[in-house]
Amino acid sequence: MEQFEMISERASAIVCAFNEEKTISGVLENLLKNPIIDEIIVINDGSTDATQAVIRAFSRSPQIRLIEFYDNRGKGTAMAEGVINARNRILVFIDADLLNFEDRYVEQLVQPLVSGLADMVIGHPTENTVDDKFNPFKPLSGERALFRDDILPLVENMRGSRFGVETLINLSYQSRKMRVLYVPLWGLIHPIKLQKHSFNRATREYCAAANQILRAVIVNYSLVAVIVQNLFRR
């Protein structure tokens, strides 16, 4: 059993959802269990399935704050909206399509932040040692904790970045020489697109996501240049 120091400061959870009717209830149920989280901002990003109805079933809880987009604006815009509306200094981003999400993961993300060990903590779903040691997609994980003041200057650039938003955030933190810590979230499962959709649709979505990530790098070339300069100055 993992042991965590008592965390007295409260945090805002931000959950962005687009057509995640099958999984979002498990995520919200476990976030509501966690004493660190005193507000859960759920952005329904133009869902066309029953996601809206599932979220509204949780709206009786005073912790839940629902923001509705009536068209799909992309993950970057949804995350930016969550940042603007959050009341707390600490933000915890959690994807809506996770399986086996447990409230203990919140402590794993927040503890290094409040202990002064990192400026951003990225948690990556981990089922085995290979996932933990050699997963090249860790930086793209949506599970992360950070301080609102650090990400607030990025809000306008986040809008329109869609699935390139995590890349944008990572580039910004690296360019500012901020400390990023990766933690394995053992037992958490983030289904891949091939498990959620047909092969043709998954392929289209993979291509779109790759294009959005590449665009985030190109558009934010100035951040990349600063990172390269920092490397040569070491």
C-alpha atoms as a PDB file:
ATOM      1  CA  MET A   1       0.000   0.000   0.000  1.00  0.00           C
ATOM      2  CA  GLU A   2       1.402   3.373  -0.995  1.00  0.00           C
ATOM      3  CA  GLN A   3       1.827   5.925   1.784  1.00  0.00           C
ATOM      4  CA  PHE A   4       1.360   9.643   1.146  1.00  0.00           C
ATOM      5  CA  GLU A   5       1.941  12.658   3.340  1.00  0.00           C
ATOM      6  CA  MET A   6      -1.205  14.509   4.325  1.00  0.00           C
ATOM      7  CA  ILE A   7      -2.055  17.030   1.623  1.00  0.00           C
ATOM      8  CA  SER A   8      -3.975  19.947   3.101  1.00  0.00           C
ATOM      9  CA  GLU A   9      -4.335  22.023  -0.067  1.00  0.00           C
ATOM     10  CA  ARG A  10      -7.319  21.367  -2.289  1.00  0.00           C
ATOM     11  CA  ALA A  11      -7.152  20.892  -6.062  1.00  0.00           C
ATOM     12  CA  SER A  12      -9.393  21.311  -9.096  1.00  0.00           C
ATOM     13  CA  ALA A  13      -9.832  18.329 -11.404  1.00  0.00           C
ATOM     14  CA  ILE A  14     -10.403  19.079 -15.102  1.00  0.00           C
ATOM     15  CA  VAL A  15     -12.022  16.363 -17.225  1.00  0.00           C
ATOM     16  CA  CYS A  16     -12.504  16.953 -20.956  1.00  0.00           C
ATOM     17  CA  ALA A  17     -14.930  14.575 -22.626  1.00  0.00           C
ATOM     18  CA  PHE A  18     -15.940  13.853 -26.205  1.00  0.00           C
ATOM     19  CA  ASN A  19     -18.160  10.782 -26.686  1.00  0.00           C
ATOM     20  CA  GLU A  20     -16.968   8.887 -23.609  1.00  0.00           C
ATOM     21  CA  GLU A  21     -20.305   7.558 -22.337  1.00  0.00           C
ATOM     22  CA  LYS A  22     -18.820   4.162 -21.410  1.00  0.00           C
ATOM     23  CA  THR A  23     -15.977   5.346 -19.190  1.00  0.00           C
ATOM     24  CA  ILE A  24     -16.577   8.826 -17.802  1.00  0.00           C
ATOM     25  CA  SER A  25     -18.801   7.658 -14.938  1.00  0.00           C
ATOM     26  CA  GLY A  26     -15.958   5.562 -13.478  1.00  0.00           C
ATOM     27  CA  VAL A  27     -13.607   8.530 -13.665  1.00  0.00           C
ATOM     28  CA  LEU A  28     -16.059  10.916 -12.001  1.00  0.00           C
ATOM     29  CA  GLU A  29     -17.059   8.433  -9.282  1.00  0.00           C
ATOM     30  CA  ASN A  30     -13.458   8.036  -8.175  1.00  0.00           C
ATOM     31  CA  LEU A  31     -12.618  11.728  -8.376  1.00  0.00           C
ATOM     32  CA  LEU A  32     -15.581  12.404  -6.080  1.00  0.00           C
ATOM     33  CA  LYS A  33     -14.096   9.975  -3.555  1.00  0.00           C
ATOM     34  CA  ASN A  34     -10.835  11.866  -3.266  1.00  0.00           C
ATOM     35  CA  PRO A  35     -10.593  14.422  -0.418  1.00  0.00           C
ATOM     36  CA  ILE A  36      -7.995  16.532  -2.265  1.00  0.00           C
ATOM     37  CA  ILE A  37     -10.414  17.337  -5.086  1.00  0.00           C
ATOM     38  CA  ASP A  38     -13.027  19.891  -4.072  1.00  0.00           C
ATOM     39  CA  GLU A  39     -14.180  20.824  -7.577  1.00  0.00           C
ATOM     40  CA  ILE A  40     -14.457  18.790 -10.758  1.00  0.00           C
ATOM     41  CA  ILE A  41     -14.796  20.832 -13.927  1.00  0.00           C
ATOM     42  CA  VAL A  42     -16.214  18.656 -16.689  1.00  0.00           C
ATOM     43  CA  ILE A  43     -16.105  20.035 -20.221  1.00  0.00           C
ATOM     44  CA  ASN A  44     -18.476  18.203 -22.552  1.00  0.00           C
ATOM     45  CA  ASP A  45     -16.801  18.945 -25.879  1.00  0.00           C
ATOM     46  CA  GLY A  46     -19.771  18.575 -28.223  1.00  0.00           C
ATOM     47  CA  SER A  47     -20.481  14.909 -27.521  1.00  0.00           C
ATOM     48  CA  THR A  48     -23.074  13.241 -29.728  1.00  0.00           C
ATOM     49  CA  ASP A  49     -23.580  10.090 -27.635  1.00  0.00           C
ATOM     50  CA  ALA A  50     -24.943   9.801 -24.075  1.00  0.00           C
ATOM     51  CA  THR A  51     -21.945  11.524 -22.453  1.00  0.00           C
ATOM     52  CA  GLN A  52     -24.029  14.598 -21.622  1.00  0.00           C
ATOM     53  CA  ALA A  53     -26.677  12.519 -19.852  1.00  0.00           C
ATOM     54  CA  VAL A  54     -24.038  10.624 -17.854  1.00  0.00           C
ATOM     55  CA  ILE A  55     -22.403  13.861 -16.694  1.00  0.00           C
ATOM     56  CA  ARG A  56     -25.728  15.432 -15.769  1.00  0.00           C
ATOM     57  CA  ALA A  57     -26.496  12.428 -13.586  1.00  0.00           C
ATOM     58  CA  PHE A  58     -23.536  13.545 -11.464  1.00  0.00           C
ATOM     59  CA  SER A  59     -24.543  17.203 -11.423  1.00  0.00           C
ATOM     60  CA  ARG A  60     -26.349  16.808  -8.097  1.00  0.00           C
ATOM     61  CA  SER A  61     -22.932  16.803  -6.468  1.00  0.00           C
ATOM     62  CA  PRO A  62     -21.848  20.361  -5.566  1.00  0.00           C
ATOM     63  CA  GLN A  63     -18.303  19.450  -6.612  1.00  0.00           C
ATOM     64  CA  ILE A  64     -19.287  18.962 -10.247  1.00  0.00           C
ATOM     65  CA  ARG A  65     -19.188  21.990 -12.545  1.00  0.00           C
ATOM     66  CA  LEU A  66     -20.369  21.262 -16.071  1.00  0.00           C
ATOM     67  CA  ILE A  67     -19.318  23.319 -19.090  1.00  0.00           C
ATOM     68  CA  GLU A  68     -21.124  22.481 -22.335  1.00  0.00           C
ATOM     69  CA  PHE A  69     -19.760  23.013 -25.836  1.00  0.00           C
ATOM     70  CA  TYR A  70     -22.444  22.409 -28.431  1.00  0.00           C
ATOM     71  CA  ASP A  71     -19.872  21.694 -31.114  1.00  0.00           C
ATOM     72  CA  ASN A  72     -16.569  19.837 -30.900  1.00  0.00           C
ATOM     73  CA  ARG A  73     -13.794  22.401 -30.336  1.00  0.00           C
ATOM     74  CA  GLY A  74     -10.938  20.045 -29.518  1.00  0.00           C
ATOM     75  CA  LYS A  75      -9.054  19.019 -26.405  1.00  0.00           C
ATOM     76  CA  GLY A  76      -6.868  22.128 -26.301  1.00  0.00           C
ATOM     77  CA  THR A  77      -9.837  24.495 -26.162  1.00  0.00           C
ATOM     78  CA  ALA A  78     -11.603  22.322 -23.591  1.00  0.00           C
ATOM     79  CA  MET A  79      -8.537  22.241 -21.347  1.00  0.00           C
ATOM     80  CA  ALA A  80      -8.092  26.004 -21.673  1.00  0.00           C
ATOM     81  CA  GLU A  81     -11.697  26.519 -20.579  1.00  0.00           C
ATOM     82  CA  GLY A  82     -11.056  24.350 -17.529  1.00  0.00           C
ATOM     83  CA  VAL A  83      -7.970  26.361 -16.584  1.00  0.00           C
ATOM     84  CA  ILE A  84      -9.831  29.672 -16.819  1.00  0.00           C
ATOM     85  CA  ASN A  85     -12.734  28.447 -14.686  1.00  0.00           C
ATOM     86  CA  ALA A  86     -10.721  26.634 -11.995  1.00  0.00           C
ATOM     87  CA  ARG A  87     -10.761  28.144  -8.514  1.00  0.00           C
ATOM     88  CA  ASN A  88      -7.782  26.329  -7.005  1.00  0.00           C
ATOM     89  CA  ARG A  89      -4.035  26.835  -7.333  1.00  0.00           C
ATOM     90  CA  ILE A  90      -3.440  23.155  -8.118  1.00  0.00           C
ATOM     91  CA  LEU A  91      -4.938  21.645 -11.273  1.00  0.00           C
ATOM     92  CA  VAL A  92      -5.245  17.933 -12.008  1.00  0.00           C
ATOM     93  CA  PHE A  93      -6.070  16.951 -15.590  1.00  0.00           C
ATOM     94  CA  ILE A  94      -7.691  13.533 -16.038  1.00  0.00           C
ATOM     95  CA  ASP A  95      -8.791  11.957 -19.327  1.00  0.00           C
ATOM     96  CA  ALA A  96     -12.408  10.824 -19.597  1.00  0.00           C
ATOM     97  CA  ASP A  97     -11.679   7.541 -21.426  1.00  0.00           C
ATOM     98  CA  LEU A  98      -9.698   5.731 -18.722  1.00  0.00           C
ATOM     99  CA  LEU A  99     -10.329   2.234 -17.402  1.00  0.00           C
ATOM    100  CA  ASN A 100      -9.546   1.156 -13.835  1.00  0.00           C
ATOM    101  CA  PHE A 101      -9.158   4.752 -12.669  1.00  0.00           C
ATOM    102  CA  GLU A 102      -8.770   4.904  -8.872  1.00  0.00           C
ATOM    103  CA  ASP A 103      -8.846   7.928  -6.595  1.00  0.00           C
ATOM    104  CA  ARG A 104      -5.368   7.052  -5.238  1.00  0.00           C
ATOM    105  CA  TYR A 105      -3.841   8.240  -8.507  1.00  0.00           C
ATOM    106  CA  VAL A 106      -4.663  11.814  -7.501  1.00  0.00           C
ATOM    107  CA  GLU A 107      -2.211  11.656  -4.593  1.00  0.00           C
ATOM    108  CA  GLN A 108       0.467  10.219  -6.858  1.00  0.00           C
ATOM    109  CA  LEU A 109       0.089  13.199  -9.157  1.00  0.00           C
ATOM    110  CA  VAL A 110      -0.264  15.929  -6.533  1.00  0.00           C
ATOM    111  CA  GLN A 111       2.189  14.815  -3.830  1.00  0.00           C
ATOM    112  CA  PRO A 112       5.431  15.621  -5.729  1.00  0.00           C
ATOM    113  CA  LEU A 113       3.962  18.995  -6.656  1.00  0.00           C
ATOM    114  CA  VAL A 114       3.145  20.105  -3.097  1.00  0.00           C
ATOM    115  CA  SER A 115       6.419  18.601  -1.825  1.00  0.00           C
ATOM    116  CA  GLY A 116       8.383  20.884  -4.135  1.00  0.00           C
ATOM    117  CA  LEU A 117       9.854  18.052  -6.198  1.00  0.00           C
ATOM    118  CA  ALA A 118       8.357  19.132  -9.527  1.00  0.00           C
ATOM    119  CA  ASP A 119       6.571  21.943 -11.325  1.00  0.00           C
ATOM    120  CA  MET A 120       4.505  19.464 -13.330  1.00  0.00           C
ATOM    121  CA  VAL A 121       3.812  15.781 -12.670  1.00  0.00           C
ATOM    122  CA  ILE A 122       2.818  13.548 -15.589  1.00  0.00           C
ATOM    123  CA  GLY A 123       1.294  10.186 -14.752  1.00  0.00           C
ATOM    124  CA  HIS A 124       1.404   7.495 -17.398  1.00  0.00           C
ATOM    125  CA  PRO A 125      -0.872   4.425 -17.436  1.00  0.00           C
ATOM    126  CA  THR A 126       1.340   1.437 -16.627  1.00  0.00           C
ATOM    127  CA  GLU A 127       0.538  -2.264 -16.738  1.00  0.00           C
ATOM    128  CA  ASN A 128       4.055  -3.724 -16.755  1.00  0.00           C
ATOM    129  CA  THR A 129       7.741  -2.859 -16.460  1.00  0.00           C
ATOM    130  CA  VAL A 130       8.078  -2.279 -20.211  1.00  0.00           C
ATOM    131  CA  ASP A 131       5.363   0.376 -20.023  1.00  0.00           C
ATOM    132  CA  ASP A 132       7.147   1.987 -17.103  1.00  0.00           C
ATOM    133  CA  LYS A 133      10.677   2.022 -18.541  1.00  0.00           C
ATOM    134  CA  PHE A 134      10.362   2.185 -22.309  1.00  0.00           C
ATOM    135  CA  ASN A 135       7.034   3.794 -23.195  1.00  0.00           C
ATOM    136  CA  PRO A 136       7.882   6.587 -25.708  1.00  0.00           C
ATOM    137  CA  PHE A 137       4.415   8.116 -25.344  1.00  0.00           C
ATOM    138  CA  LYS A 138       4.779   9.130 -21.682  1.00  0.00           C
ATOM    139  CA  PRO A 139       5.054  12.841 -22.533  1.00  0.00           C
ATOM    140  CA  LEU A 140       1.672  12.716 -24.279  1.00  0.00           C
ATOM    141  CA  SER A 141      -0.213  11.394 -21.266  1.00  0.00           C
ATOM    142  CA  GLY A 142      -3.210  13.485 -20.298  1.00  0.00           C
ATOM    143  CA  GLU A 143      -2.942  12.655 -16.594  1.00  0.00           C
ATOM    144  CA  ARG A 144      -0.981  15.505 -15.043  1.00  0.00           C
ATOM    145  CA  ALA A 145      -0.864  17.902 -12.098  1.00  0.00           C
ATOM    146  CA  LEU A 146       0.497  21.437 -12.218  1.00  0.00           C
ATOM    147  CA  PHE A 147       0.023  24.932 -10.843  1.00  0.00           C
ATOM    148  CA  ARG A 148      -2.614  27.135 -12.439  1.00  0.00           C
ATOM    149  CA  ASP A 149      -0.340  30.192 -12.510  1.00  0.00           C
ATOM    150  CA  ASP A 150       2.227  28.283 -14.592  1.00  0.00           C
ATOM    151  CA  ILE A 151      -0.195  27.197 -17.307  1.00  0.00           C
ATOM    152  CA  LEU A 152      -2.387  30.315 -17.374  1.00  0.00           C
ATOM    153  CA  PRO A 153      -0.065  32.187 -19.803  1.00  0.00           C
ATOM    154  CA  LEU A 154      -0.538  29.319 -22.304  1.00  0.00           C
ATOM    155  CA  VAL A 155      -4.329  29.462 -22.437  1.00  0.00           C
ATOM    156  CA  GLU A 156      -4.656  31.378 -25.704  1.00  0.00           C
ATOM    157  CA  ASN A 157      -2.114  29.136 -27.454  1.00  0.00           C
ATOM    158  CA  MET A 158      -3.904  26.045 -26.110  1.00  0.00           C
ATOM    159  CA  ARG A 159      -7.083  27.035 -27.914  1.00  0.00           C
ATOM    160  CA  GLY A 160      -7.078  25.401 -31.315  1.00  0.00           C
ATOM    161  CA  SER A 161      -4.140  23.112 -30.528  1.00  0.00           C
ATOM    162  CA  ARG A 162      -6.524  20.135 -30.228  1.00  0.00           C
ATOM    163  CA  PHE A 163      -4.469  16.932 -29.584  1.00  0.00           C
ATOM    164  CA  GLY A 164      -1.260  18.951 -29.769  1.00  0.00           C
ATOM    165  CA  VAL A 165      -2.045  20.536 -26.412  1.00  0.00           C
ATOM    166  CA  GLU A 166       0.154  18.223 -24.293  1.00  0.00           C
ATOM    167  CA  THR A 167       3.053  18.812 -26.688  1.00  0.00           C
ATOM    168  CA  LEU A 168       2.552  22.573 -26.366  1.00  0.00           C
ATOM    169  CA  ILE A 169       2.530  22.368 -22.572  1.00  0.00           C
ATOM    170  CA  ASN A 170       5.642  20.174 -22.532  1.00  0.00           C
ATOM    171  CA  LEU A 171       7.538  22.531 -24.853  1.00  0.00           C
ATOM    172  CA  SER A 172       6.632  25.518 -22.704  1.00  0.00           C
ATOM    173  CA  TYR A 173       7.791  23.863 -19.496  1.00  0.00           C
ATOM    174  CA  GLN A 174      11.038  22.679 -21.084  1.00  0.00           C
ATOM    175  CA  SER A 175      11.774  26.111 -22.533  1.00  0.00           C
ATOM    176  CA  ARG A 176      11.325  27.646 -19.059  1.00  0.00           C
ATOM    177  CA  LYS A 177      13.572  24.976 -17.486  1.00  0.00           C
ATOM    178  CA  MET A 178      10.756  23.844 -15.244  1.00  0.00           C
ATOM    179  CA  ARG A 179      10.944  20.506 -13.492  1.00  0.00           C
ATOM    180  CA  VAL A 180       8.804  17.712 -14.954  1.00  0.00           C
ATOM    181  CA  LEU A 181       8.415  14.418 -13.103  1.00  0.00           C
ATOM    182  CA  TYR A 182       6.985  11.228 -14.615  1.00  0.00           C
ATOM    183  CA  VAL A 183       5.200   8.782 -12.318  1.00  0.00           C
ATOM    184  CA  PRO A 184       3.796   5.361 -13.273  1.00  0.00           C
ATOM    185  CA  LEU A 185       0.097   4.879 -12.539  1.00  0.00           C
ATOM    186  CA  TRP A 186       0.099   1.119 -12.066  1.00  0.00           C
ATOM    187  CA  GLY A 187      -3.070  -0.646 -13.169  1.00  0.00           C
ATOM    188  CA  LEU A 188      -4.498   2.310 -15.072  1.00  0.00           C
ATOM    189  CA  ILE A 189      -5.534   1.569 -18.657  1.00  0.00           C
ATOM    190  CA  HIS A 190      -5.885   4.118 -21.426  1.00  0.00           C
ATOM    191  CA  PRO A 191      -7.539   2.267 -24.336  1.00  0.00           C
ATOM    192  CA  ILE A 192      -5.953   2.892 -27.710  1.00  0.00           C
ATOM    193  CA  LYS A 193      -8.109   4.105 -30.605  1.00  0.00           C
ATOM    194  CA  LEU A 194      -8.079   0.656 -32.237  1.00  0.00           C
ATOM    195  CA  GLN A 195      -9.833  -0.685 -29.139  1.00  0.00           C
ATOM    196  CA  LYS A 196     -12.506   2.002 -29.301  1.00  0.00           C
ATOM    197  CA  HIS A 197     -13.174   2.376 -33.015  1.00  0.00           C
ATOM    198  CA  SER A 198     -13.045   0.557 -36.329  1.00  0.00           C
ATOM    199  CA  PHE A 199      -9.673   0.212 -38.044  1.00  0.00           C
ATOM    200  CA  ASN A 200     -10.505   2.877 -40.651  1.00  0.00           C
ATOM    201  CA  ARG A 201     -11.762   5.391 -38.122  1.00  0.00           C
ATOM    202  CA  ALA A 202      -8.867   4.730 -35.733  1.00  0.00           C
ATOM    203  CA  THR A 203      -6.384   5.222 -38.572  1.00  0.00           C
ATOM    204  CA  ARG A 204      -7.984   8.549 -39.496  1.00  0.00           C
ATOM    205  CA  GLU A 205      -7.889   9.696 -35.890  1.00  0.00           C
ATOM    206  CA  TYR A 206      -4.254   8.626 -35.441  1.00  0.00           C
ATOM    207  CA  CYS A 207      -3.289  10.606 -38.545  1.00  0.00           C
ATOM    208  CA  ALA A 208      -5.224  13.647 -37.361  1.00  0.00           C
ATOM    209  CA  ALA A 209      -3.627  13.483 -33.902  1.00  0.00           C
ATOM    210  CA  ALA A 210      -0.130  13.127 -35.377  1.00  0.00           C
ATOM    211  CA  ASN A 211      -0.782  16.140 -37.602  1.00  0.00           C
ATOM    212  CA  GLN A 212      -1.977  18.207 -34.636  1.00  0.00           C
ATOM    213  CA  ILE A 213       1.084  17.247 -32.568  1.00  0.00           C
ATOM    214  CA  LEU A 214       3.423  18.144 -35.440  1.00  0.00           C
ATOM    215  CA  ARG A 215       1.607  21.430 -35.919  1.00  0.00           C
ATOM    216  CA  ALA A 216       2.077  22.229 -32.220  1.00  0.00           C
ATOM    217  CA  VAL A 217       5.837  21.791 -32.672  1.00  0.00           C
ATOM    218  CA  ILE A 218       5.959  23.907 -35.844  1.00  0.00           C
ATOM    219  CA  VAL A 219       3.733  26.713 -34.550  1.00  0.00           C
ATOM    220  CA  ASN A 220       5.741  26.901 -31.332  1.00  0.00           C
ATOM    221  CA  TYR A 221       9.130  26.771 -33.029  1.00  0.00           C
ATOM    222  CA  SER A 222      10.356  29.611 -30.792  1.00  0.00           C
ATOM    223  CA  LEU A 223       9.955  27.361 -27.748  1.00  0.00           C
ATOM    224  CA  VAL A 224      11.840  24.575 -29.522  1.00  0.00           C
ATOM    225  CA  ALA A 225      14.647  27.030 -30.312  1.00  0.00           C
ATOM    226  CA  VAL A 226      14.925  28.015 -26.644  1.00  0.00           C
ATOM    227  CA  ILE A 227      15.102  24.346 -25.612  1.00  0.00           C
ATOM    228  CA  VAL A 228      17.893  23.707 -28.106  1.00  0.00           C
ATOM    229  CA  GLN A 229      19.788  26.754 -26.870  1.00  0.00           C
ATOM    230  CA  ASN A 230      19.435  25.570 -23.294  1.00  0.00           C
ATOM    231  CA  LEU A 231      20.883  22.189 -24.265  1.00  0.00           C
ATOM    232  CA  PHE A 232      23.970  23.778 -25.817  1.00  0.00           C
ATOM    233  CA  ARG A 233      24.489  25.989 -22.769  1.00  0.00           C
ATOM    234  CA  ARG A 234      24.855  23.044 -20.424  1.00  0.00           C
END
